[in-house]
Amino acid sequence: MSSEELHAIELLGRVPYGRLATSMRALPFLAVARHIVVGDRILLRMHSGFGYHEACNGSVVAYGADNFNTAASEDGENLWSVQFTGPAEIVHPGPEQREMFGAAPTMVNGEPFEPAFLRLAPHFVTEHTLDFDASQAIRNAA
């Protein structure tokens, strides 16, 4: 991996969740997923009840994460986002890797959380940063 790709992987390790993007029945969708980095692969844990993992299996997907909710803190870190694109496959991680994910949600949309796991092999990696002065107020237009 290039130094830029390694940096993007390092940034991904700073946040626990991201968004998986692909299509299902010819319609695009985004799904929240918990991730861990194992070597040069990204393992995702998501709820199996929606069938999203099945739509992703064997397909090229995009997975993105960012620090937009935490960057403007006292540490002065810039805003960043990373995106990884590549093929995904359903996997069954061992106990050690499952433990790395930490506690799972108990419910998803009122249903018990049932985990499904995907492994993403990133072929394309993109990183974007925004310089941000934490003293600037951020406001939404009314």
Protein backbone atom coordinates (compact mmCIF):
# COMPACT_ATOMS: atom_id res chain seq x y z
CA MET A 1 0.00 0.00 0.00
CA SER A 2 1.10 3.54 -0.68
CA SER A 3 1.76 5.97 2.16
CA GLU A 4 -1.50 7.79 1.28
CA GLU A 5 -3.46 4.54 1.52
CA LEU A 6 -1.81 3.67 4.83
CA HIS A 7 -2.69 7.12 6.16
CA ALA A 8 -6.33 6.65 5.12
CA ILE A 9 -6.39 3.28 6.92
CA GLU A 10 -4.91 4.95 10.01
CA LEU A 11 -7.62 7.63 9.92
CA LEU A 12 -10.31 4.97 9.60
CA GLY A 13 -9.04 3.43 12.82
CA ARG A 14 -9.86 6.68 14.67
CA VAL A 15 -13.64 6.31 14.28
CA PRO A 16 -15.81 3.24 14.93
CA TYR A 17 -18.59 3.66 12.34
CA GLY A 18 -18.97 4.54 8.70
CA ARG A 19 -21.35 4.19 5.77
CA LEU A 20 -21.49 1.41 3.22
CA ALA A 21 -22.78 2.33 -0.25
CA THR A 22 -23.90 0.02 -3.04
CA SER A 23 -27.10 -0.85 -4.85
CA MET A 24 -29.86 -3.34 -4.20
CA ARG A 25 -32.47 -4.15 -6.84
CA ALA A 26 -30.97 -1.40 -9.03
CA LEU A 27 -31.47 1.26 -6.34
CA PRO A 28 -28.60 2.89 -4.43
CA PHE A 29 -28.50 2.68 -0.65
CA LEU A 30 -26.35 3.65 2.32
CA ALA A 31 -26.07 1.53 5.45
CA VAL A 32 -24.34 2.22 8.74
CA ALA A 33 -21.66 -0.30 9.67
CA ARG A 34 -19.13 -0.83 12.43
CA HIS A 35 -15.62 -1.42 11.11
CA ILE A 36 -12.26 -2.73 12.18
CA VAL A 37 -9.04 -2.86 10.20
CA VAL A 38 -7.28 -6.21 9.93
CA GLY A 39 -4.10 -6.03 7.89
CA ASP A 40 -4.96 -4.40 4.58
CA ARG A 41 -8.64 -5.39 4.77
CA ILE A 42 -11.63 -3.72 6.36
CA LEU A 43 -14.08 -5.91 8.25
CA LEU A 44 -17.62 -4.60 8.61
CA ARG A 45 -20.34 -5.60 11.04
CA MET A 46 -23.91 -4.73 10.16
CA HIS A 47 -27.44 -5.88 10.87
CA SER A 48 -28.37 -8.92 8.79
CA GLY A 49 -32.11 -8.29 8.99
CA PHE A 50 -32.18 -5.89 6.04
CA GLY A 51 -30.30 -8.21 3.66
CA TYR A 52 -27.77 -5.51 2.78
CA HIS A 53 -24.86 -7.87 3.35
CA GLU A 54 -26.28 -10.25 0.75
CA ALA A 55 -26.60 -7.42 -1.79
CA CYS A 56 -22.93 -6.55 -1.17
CA ASN A 57 -21.56 -10.08 -1.36
CA GLY A 58 -19.40 -10.38 -4.49
CA SER A 59 -20.09 -6.77 -5.52
CA VAL A 60 -17.93 -3.68 -5.61
CA VAL A 61 -18.94 -1.37 -2.77
CA ALA A 62 -17.79 1.92 -1.30
CA TYR A 63 -17.21 2.40 2.41
CA GLY A 64 -16.65 5.85 3.87
CA ALA A 65 -16.03 7.33 7.29
CA ASP A 66 -15.19 10.78 8.63
CA ASN A 67 -14.58 12.79 11.77
CA PHE A 68 -17.16 15.47 11.05
CA ASN A 69 -18.82 15.09 14.46
CA THR A 70 -15.61 15.33 16.47
CA ALA A 71 -13.00 17.37 14.58
CA ALA A 72 -13.73 20.90 15.79
CA SER A 73 -12.67 20.02 19.31
CA GLU A 74 -9.85 21.39 21.39
CA ASP A 75 -7.27 19.12 19.75
CA GLY A 76 -7.44 21.22 16.56
CA GLU A 77 -7.67 18.24 14.21
CA ASN A 78 -8.76 19.07 10.66
CA LEU A 79 -11.91 17.61 9.17
CA TRP A 80 -11.23 14.51 7.08
CA SER A 81 -13.11 11.84 5.20
CA VAL A 82 -11.89 8.61 3.68
CA GLN A 83 -13.47 6.29 1.15
CA PHE A 84 -12.50 2.75 0.22
CA THR A 85 -13.83 1.07 -2.93
CA GLY A 86 -13.46 -2.59 -3.76
CA PRO A 87 -15.08 -6.02 -3.71
CA ALA A 88 -16.89 -7.21 -0.60
CA GLU A 89 -17.58 -10.72 0.56
CA ILE A 90 -19.48 -12.26 3.44
CA VAL A 91 -17.12 -13.68 6.06
CA HIS A 92 -17.41 -15.41 9.42
CA PRO A 93 -14.72 -13.92 11.67
CA GLY A 94 -13.33 -15.86 14.58
CA PRO A 95 -13.88 -14.94 18.23
CA GLU A 96 -10.79 -12.69 18.39
CA GLN A 97 -11.95 -10.51 15.51
CA ARG A 98 -15.55 -10.45 16.76
CA GLU A 99 -14.25 -9.20 20.11
CA MET A 100 -12.39 -6.36 18.35
CA PHE A 101 -15.74 -4.93 17.23
CA GLY A 102 -16.82 -4.39 20.83
CA ALA A 103 -20.39 -4.45 22.06
CA ALA A 104 -23.10 -4.79 19.44
CA PRO A 105 -26.36 -2.86 19.38
CA THR A 106 -29.24 -4.71 21.00
CA MET A 107 -31.98 -3.50 18.67
CA VAL A 108 -32.26 -2.15 15.11
CA ASN A 109 -35.55 -0.49 14.18
CA GLY A 110 -37.24 -2.37 17.01
CA GLU A 111 -35.86 -5.79 16.01
CA PRO A 112 -33.05 -7.73 17.71
CA PHE A 113 -29.65 -7.03 16.19
CA GLU A 114 -28.33 -10.03 14.26
CA PRO A 115 -24.78 -9.44 12.99
CA ALA A 116 -23.53 -10.07 9.49
CA PHE A 117 -19.90 -9.54 8.53
CA LEU A 118 -18.31 -8.38 5.28
CA ARG A 119 -14.65 -8.13 4.29
CA LEU A 120 -13.77 -5.26 1.97
CA ALA A 121 -10.58 -5.44 -0.07
CA PRO A 122 -9.92 -1.78 -0.96
CA HIS A 123 -8.72 -1.28 -4.52
CA PHE A 124 -9.21 2.50 -4.54
CA VAL A 125 -8.64 4.74 -1.54
CA THR A 126 -9.57 8.42 -1.36
CA GLU A 127 -8.82 10.86 1.44
CA HIS A 128 -10.06 14.45 1.71
CA THR A 129 -9.17 17.01 4.37
CA LEU A 130 -10.62 20.40 5.17
CA ASP A 131 -8.66 22.97 7.13
CA PHE A 132 -10.95 24.23 9.84
CA ASP A 133 -10.48 26.84 12.51
CA ALA A 134 -12.33 25.56 15.57
CA SER A 135 -12.95 29.14 16.70
CA GLN A 136 -15.20 29.70 13.66
CA ALA A 137 -18.86 29.19 14.42
CA ILE A 138 -20.63 26.66 12.23
CA ARG A 139 -24.24 27.53 11.55
CA ASN A 140 -26.90 26.06 9.35
CA ALA A 141 -28.71 28.49 7.10
CA ALA A 142 -32.25 29.19 8.29
